[in-house]
């Protein structure tokens, strides 16, 4: 499917029960699809999970949240970019294994997160 959008324009994604996300469209260039797809998919993920994350953070209060890169952010930052929390479970497992191995004095450790 090919979607042609006049440039510059704004694409607004709306759906009942979801947040809205605006994505700025630019003129297509031969390499732009490589850059634009991740930006668009991140905007869609943010719009889809933002209401759920917002309600959850309202319940738990002022906390720090694990991101998919292994870093921690305050609840306010997580609320603005909830897509960065996607896949935070595997990142948390790696960080926990590294911390635990340091506590046990194990200089080199292998960890396995098989999910569940």
N, C-alpha and C. Protein backbone atom coordinates (compact mmCIF):
# COMPACT_ATOMS: atom_id res chain seq x y z
N UNK A 1 0.85 -1.17 0.00
CA UNK A 1 0.00 0.00 0.00
C UNK A 1 0.89 1.23 0.00
N UNK A 2 0.58 2.20 -0.84
CA UNK A 2 1.34 3.44 -0.92
C UNK A 2 0.45 4.57 -0.46
N UNK A 3 0.91 5.35 0.49
CA UNK A 3 0.16 6.49 1.00
C UNK A 3 0.90 7.75 0.62
N UNK A 4 0.25 8.63 -0.11
CA UNK A 4 0.86 9.89 -0.51
C UNK A 4 0.25 11.00 0.32
N UNK A 5 1.09 11.77 0.99
CA UNK A 5 0.65 12.87 1.83
C UNK A 5 1.32 14.14 1.32
N UNK A 6 0.54 15.18 0.99
CA UNK A 6 1.19 16.41 0.54
C UNK A 6 2.05 16.98 1.66
N UNK A 7 3.21 17.49 1.30
CA UNK A 7 4.13 18.01 2.32
C UNK A 7 4.09 19.53 2.29
N UNK A 8 4.30 20.23 3.37
CA UNK A 8 4.24 19.68 4.73
C UNK A 8 2.80 19.55 5.19
N UNK A 9 2.51 18.56 5.94
CA UNK A 9 1.17 18.37 6.48
C UNK A 9 1.29 17.65 7.82
N UNK A 10 0.17 17.57 8.50
CA UNK A 10 0.15 16.85 9.77
C UNK A 10 -0.84 15.72 9.65
N UNK A 11 -0.42 14.56 10.08
CA UNK A 11 -1.30 13.40 10.11
C UNK A 11 -1.72 13.23 11.56
N UNK A 12 -3.01 13.16 11.80
CA UNK A 12 -3.48 13.00 13.16
C UNK A 12 -4.16 11.65 13.27
N UNK A 13 -3.70 10.84 14.22
CA UNK A 13 -4.23 9.49 14.42
C UNK A 13 -5.21 9.56 15.59
N UNK A 14 -6.45 9.19 15.35
CA UNK A 14 -7.45 9.24 16.41
C UNK A 14 -8.24 7.94 16.44
N UNK A 15 -8.58 7.52 17.64
CA UNK A 15 -9.40 6.35 17.80
C UNK A 15 -10.07 6.45 19.17
N UNK A 16 -11.31 6.00 19.31
CA UNK A 16 -11.98 6.07 20.62
C UNK A 16 -11.16 5.36 21.69
N UNK A 17 -10.97 6.03 22.81
CA UNK A 17 -10.26 5.43 23.93
C UNK A 17 -8.75 5.55 23.84
N UNK A 18 -8.25 6.11 22.75
CA UNK A 18 -6.81 6.27 22.59
C UNK A 18 -6.45 7.75 22.59
N UNK A 19 -5.23 8.06 22.90
CA UNK A 19 -4.75 9.42 22.80
C UNK A 19 -4.59 9.76 21.33
N UNK A 20 -4.42 11.03 21.05
CA UNK A 20 -4.14 11.41 19.67
C UNK A 20 -2.65 11.66 19.56
N UNK A 21 -2.11 11.39 18.40
CA UNK A 21 -0.68 11.61 18.16
C UNK A 21 -0.54 12.31 16.83
N UNK A 22 0.27 13.33 16.80
CA UNK A 22 0.50 14.05 15.55
C UNK A 22 1.86 13.67 15.01
N UNK A 23 1.90 13.38 13.74
CA UNK A 23 3.15 13.02 13.08
C UNK A 23 3.35 14.00 11.93
N UNK A 24 4.48 14.64 11.88
CA UNK A 24 4.75 15.59 10.81
C UNK A 24 5.24 14.82 9.59
N UNK A 25 4.58 15.02 8.48
CA UNK A 25 4.94 14.33 7.23
C UNK A 25 5.80 15.26 6.39
N UNK A 26 6.77 14.72 5.73
CA UNK A 26 7.64 15.49 4.85
C UNK A 26 7.63 14.85 3.47
N UNK A 27 8.15 15.56 2.51
CA UNK A 27 8.22 15.01 1.16
C UNK A 27 9.04 13.74 1.15
N UNK A 28 8.57 12.74 0.43
CA UNK A 28 9.25 11.45 0.39
C UNK A 28 10.56 11.58 -0.37
N UNK A 29 11.60 11.01 0.19
CA UNK A 29 12.90 10.90 -0.46
C UNK A 29 13.24 9.42 -0.50
N UNK A 30 14.08 8.98 -1.40
CA UNK A 30 14.38 7.54 -1.52
C UNK A 30 14.77 6.87 -0.21
N UNK A 31 15.40 7.58 0.72
CA UNK A 31 15.82 6.95 1.97
C UNK A 31 14.92 7.31 3.14
N UNK A 32 13.88 8.15 2.93
CA UNK A 32 13.10 8.63 4.06
C UNK A 32 12.30 7.53 4.75
N UNK A 33 11.90 6.47 4.03
CA UNK A 33 11.12 5.41 4.65
C UNK A 33 11.89 4.72 5.77
N UNK A 34 13.20 4.71 5.66
CA UNK A 34 14.02 4.08 6.70
C UNK A 34 13.92 4.88 7.99
N UNK A 35 13.82 6.20 7.89
CA UNK A 35 13.76 7.07 9.06
C UNK A 35 12.33 7.26 9.53
N UNK A 36 11.39 7.43 8.60
CA UNK A 36 10.02 7.77 8.96
C UNK A 36 9.25 6.63 9.60
N UNK A 37 9.51 5.39 9.21
CA UNK A 37 8.76 4.28 9.79
C UNK A 37 8.94 4.19 11.30
N UNK A 38 10.18 4.24 11.83
CA UNK A 38 10.31 4.17 13.30
C UNK A 38 9.64 5.35 14.00
N UNK A 39 9.70 6.53 13.41
CA UNK A 39 9.07 7.70 14.03
C UNK A 39 7.56 7.53 14.07
N UNK A 40 7.00 7.06 12.97
CA UNK A 40 5.54 6.88 12.92
C UNK A 40 5.09 5.77 13.85
N UNK A 41 5.82 4.66 13.87
CA UNK A 41 5.41 3.55 14.74
C UNK A 41 5.53 3.93 16.21
N UNK A 42 6.54 4.73 16.57
CA UNK A 42 6.67 5.19 17.95
C UNK A 42 5.50 6.10 18.31
N UNK A 43 5.09 6.97 17.40
CA UNK A 43 3.94 7.85 17.67
C UNK A 43 2.67 7.03 17.88
N UNK A 44 2.49 5.99 17.09
CA UNK A 44 1.30 5.14 17.22
C UNK A 44 1.34 4.38 18.55
N UNK A 45 2.50 3.85 18.92
CA UNK A 45 2.63 3.14 20.21
C UNK A 45 2.36 4.10 21.36
N UNK A 46 2.93 5.32 21.31
CA UNK A 46 2.68 6.30 22.36
C UNK A 46 1.19 6.58 22.50
N UNK A 47 0.50 6.77 21.37
CA UNK A 47 -0.93 7.06 21.42
C UNK A 47 -1.73 5.88 21.98
N UNK A 48 -1.32 4.66 21.64
CA UNK A 48 -2.06 3.48 22.09
C UNK A 48 -1.89 3.20 23.57
N UNK A 49 -0.69 3.33 24.10
CA UNK A 49 -0.46 2.94 25.49
C UNK A 49 -0.50 4.10 26.48
N UNK A 50 -0.54 5.33 25.99
CA UNK A 50 -0.54 6.49 26.88
C UNK A 50 -1.68 6.50 27.89
N UNK A 51 -2.93 6.22 27.51
CA UNK A 51 -4.00 6.22 28.52
C UNK A 51 -3.80 5.17 29.61
N UNK A 52 -3.34 3.99 29.23
CA UNK A 52 -3.12 2.90 30.20
C UNK A 52 -1.98 3.27 31.14
N UNK A 53 -0.88 3.76 30.58
CA UNK A 53 0.27 4.17 31.41
C UNK A 53 -0.13 5.31 32.34
N UNK A 54 -0.88 6.27 31.81
CA UNK A 54 -1.32 7.39 32.64
C UNK A 54 -2.14 6.95 33.83
N UNK A 55 -3.11 6.06 33.60
CA UNK A 55 -3.94 5.56 34.71
C UNK A 55 -3.09 4.80 35.73
N UNK A 56 -2.16 3.98 35.24
CA UNK A 56 -1.30 3.21 36.14
C UNK A 56 -0.44 4.13 36.99
N UNK A 57 0.19 5.12 36.36
CA UNK A 57 1.05 6.04 37.11
C UNK A 57 0.25 6.90 38.08
N UNK A 58 -1.00 7.20 37.76
CA UNK A 58 -1.86 7.91 38.70
C UNK A 58 -2.07 7.09 39.96
N UNK A 59 -2.20 5.76 39.81
CA UNK A 59 -2.43 4.87 40.96
C UNK A 59 -1.18 4.68 41.81
N UNK A 60 -0.02 4.52 41.16
CA UNK A 60 1.19 4.20 41.94
C UNK A 60 1.92 5.42 42.46
N UNK A 61 1.64 6.60 41.91
CA UNK A 61 2.24 7.82 42.43
C UNK A 61 3.58 8.14 41.80
N UNK A 62 4.40 8.85 42.57
CA UNK A 62 5.69 9.36 42.08
C UNK A 62 6.75 8.27 42.18
N UNK A 63 7.01 7.61 41.06
CA UNK A 63 7.96 6.51 41.02
C UNK A 63 8.94 6.70 39.87
N UNK A 64 9.96 5.90 39.83
CA UNK A 64 10.85 5.84 38.67
C UNK A 64 10.47 4.61 37.86
N UNK A 65 10.58 4.73 36.55
CA UNK A 65 10.12 3.68 35.64
C UNK A 65 11.28 3.22 34.77
N UNK A 66 11.40 1.91 34.59
CA UNK A 66 12.45 1.33 33.74
C UNK A 66 12.10 1.54 32.28
N UNK A 67 13.09 1.93 31.50
CA UNK A 67 12.93 2.07 30.05
C UNK A 67 13.52 0.86 29.35
N UNK A 68 13.24 0.75 28.06
CA UNK A 68 13.75 -0.39 27.30
C UNK A 68 15.26 -0.34 27.10
N UNK A 69 15.89 0.83 27.34
CA UNK A 69 17.34 0.92 27.22
C UNK A 69 18.05 0.61 28.54
N UNK A 70 17.30 0.25 29.57
CA UNK A 70 17.88 -0.08 30.86
C UNK A 70 17.96 1.09 31.81
N UNK A 71 17.66 2.28 31.34
CA UNK A 71 17.70 3.48 32.18
C UNK A 71 16.41 3.67 32.95
N UNK A 72 16.46 4.59 33.89
CA UNK A 72 15.30 4.90 34.72
C UNK A 72 14.87 6.35 34.45
N UNK A 73 13.57 6.59 34.44
CA UNK A 73 13.04 7.94 34.29
C UNK A 73 11.95 8.17 35.32
N UNK A 74 11.73 9.44 35.66
CA UNK A 74 10.66 9.80 36.58
C UNK A 74 9.31 9.54 35.90
N UNK A 75 8.28 9.41 36.71
CA UNK A 75 6.95 9.11 36.21
C UNK A 75 6.49 10.15 35.18
N UNK A 76 6.80 11.41 35.39
CA UNK A 76 6.37 12.46 34.45
C UNK A 76 6.97 12.23 33.06
N UNK A 77 8.23 11.84 33.00
CA UNK A 77 8.87 11.56 31.70
C UNK A 77 8.29 10.30 31.08
N UNK A 78 8.02 9.29 31.87
CA UNK A 78 7.42 8.05 31.35
C UNK A 78 6.02 8.32 30.80
N UNK A 79 5.31 9.23 31.41
CA UNK A 79 3.96 9.58 30.96
C UNK A 79 4.02 10.25 29.58
N UNK A 80 5.06 11.06 29.34
CA UNK A 80 5.19 11.76 28.05
C UNK A 80 5.61 10.83 26.92
N UNK A 81 6.41 9.81 27.21
CA UNK A 81 6.91 8.90 26.18
C UNK A 81 6.80 7.45 26.64
N UNK A 82 5.58 6.95 26.71
CA UNK A 82 5.40 5.59 27.21
C UNK A 82 5.98 4.51 26.29
N UNK A 83 6.20 4.82 25.03
CA UNK A 83 6.77 3.81 24.11
C UNK A 83 8.16 3.38 24.56
N UNK A 84 8.85 4.25 25.30
CA UNK A 84 10.19 3.90 25.77
C UNK A 84 10.16 2.84 26.86
N UNK A 85 8.96 2.54 27.39
CA UNK A 85 8.82 1.50 28.40
C UNK A 85 8.62 0.12 27.77
N UNK A 86 8.27 0.07 26.48
CA UNK A 86 8.05 -1.19 25.79
C UNK A 86 9.34 -2.00 25.82
N UNK A 87 9.25 -3.25 26.13
CA UNK A 87 10.41 -4.15 26.24
C UNK A 87 11.31 -3.80 27.42
N UNK A 88 10.76 -3.14 28.43
CA UNK A 88 11.58 -2.81 29.60
C UNK A 88 11.83 -4.03 30.49
N UNK A 89 11.01 -5.07 30.36
CA UNK A 89 11.20 -6.28 31.16
C UNK A 89 12.53 -6.96 30.92
N UNK A 90 12.88 -7.25 29.65
CA UNK A 90 14.20 -7.84 29.39
C UNK A 90 15.35 -6.94 29.84
N UNK A 91 15.19 -5.62 29.68
CA UNK A 91 16.24 -4.69 30.13
C UNK A 91 16.38 -4.75 31.65
N UNK A 92 15.25 -4.84 32.34
CA UNK A 92 15.29 -4.93 33.80
C UNK A 92 15.96 -6.22 34.26
N UNK A 93 15.72 -7.31 33.54
CA UNK A 93 16.33 -8.59 33.89
C UNK A 93 17.85 -8.51 33.78
N UNK A 94 18.34 -7.88 32.74
CA UNK A 94 19.78 -7.73 32.56
C UNK A 94 20.37 -6.87 33.68
N UNK A 95 19.71 -5.76 33.99
CA UNK A 95 20.20 -4.88 35.05
C UNK A 95 20.19 -5.59 36.40
N UNK A 96 19.13 -6.36 36.68
CA UNK A 96 19.04 -7.10 37.94
C UNK A 96 20.12 -8.17 38.03
N UNK A 97 20.37 -8.87 36.93
CA UNK A 97 21.41 -9.91 36.93
C UNK A 97 22.79 -9.30 37.15
N UNK A 98 23.06 -8.17 36.52
CA UNK A 98 24.35 -7.50 36.71
C UNK A 98 24.53 -7.06 38.15
N UNK A 99 23.48 -6.50 38.73
CA UNK A 99 23.54 -6.04 40.12
C UNK A 99 23.76 -7.22 41.07
N UNK A 100 23.01 -8.28 40.86
CA UNK A 100 23.10 -9.46 41.73
C UNK A 100 24.49 -10.10 41.64
N UNK A 101 25.03 -10.19 40.42
CA UNK A 101 26.35 -10.81 40.27
C UNK A 101 27.42 -9.97 40.96
N UNK A 102 27.27 -8.63 40.92
CA UNK A 102 28.23 -7.77 41.64
C UNK A 102 28.13 -8.01 43.14
N UNK A 103 26.90 -8.11 43.66
CA UNK A 103 26.71 -8.35 45.09
C UNK A 103 27.32 -9.68 45.53
N UNK A 104 27.26 -10.69 44.66
CA UNK A 104 27.79 -12.01 44.98
C UNK A 104 29.29 -12.15 44.68
N UNK A 105 29.87 -11.09 44.14
CA UNK A 105 31.30 -11.13 43.83
C UNK A 105 31.62 -11.96 42.59
N UNK A 106 30.69 -12.10 41.71
CA UNK A 106 30.92 -12.86 40.47
C UNK A 106 31.28 -11.86 39.37
N UNK A 107 32.55 -11.85 38.94
CA UNK A 107 32.98 -10.83 37.98
C UNK A 107 32.40 -11.02 36.58
N UNK A 108 32.17 -12.24 36.18
CA UNK A 108 31.62 -12.52 34.85
C UNK A 108 30.46 -13.49 35.02
N UNK A 109 29.28 -13.08 34.59
CA UNK A 109 28.09 -13.92 34.78
C UNK A 109 27.30 -13.98 33.48
N UNK A 110 26.56 -15.04 33.32
CA UNK A 110 25.64 -15.20 32.19
C UNK A 110 24.25 -15.31 32.79
N UNK A 111 23.31 -14.52 32.25
CA UNK A 111 21.94 -14.56 32.73
C UNK A 111 21.01 -14.94 31.60
N UNK A 112 19.91 -15.57 31.93
CA UNK A 112 18.93 -15.98 30.94
C UNK A 112 17.55 -15.54 31.41
N UNK A 113 16.87 -14.77 30.57
CA UNK A 113 15.49 -14.35 30.86
C UNK A 113 14.62 -15.07 29.85
N UNK A 114 13.86 -16.08 30.30
CA UNK A 114 13.05 -16.85 29.35
C UNK A 114 11.60 -16.38 29.35
N UNK A 115 11.32 -15.30 30.04
CA UNK A 115 9.96 -14.76 30.03
C UNK A 115 9.02 -15.58 30.88
N UNK A 116 7.78 -15.32 30.72
CA UNK A 116 6.84 -16.07 31.51
C UNK A 116 5.59 -15.35 31.64
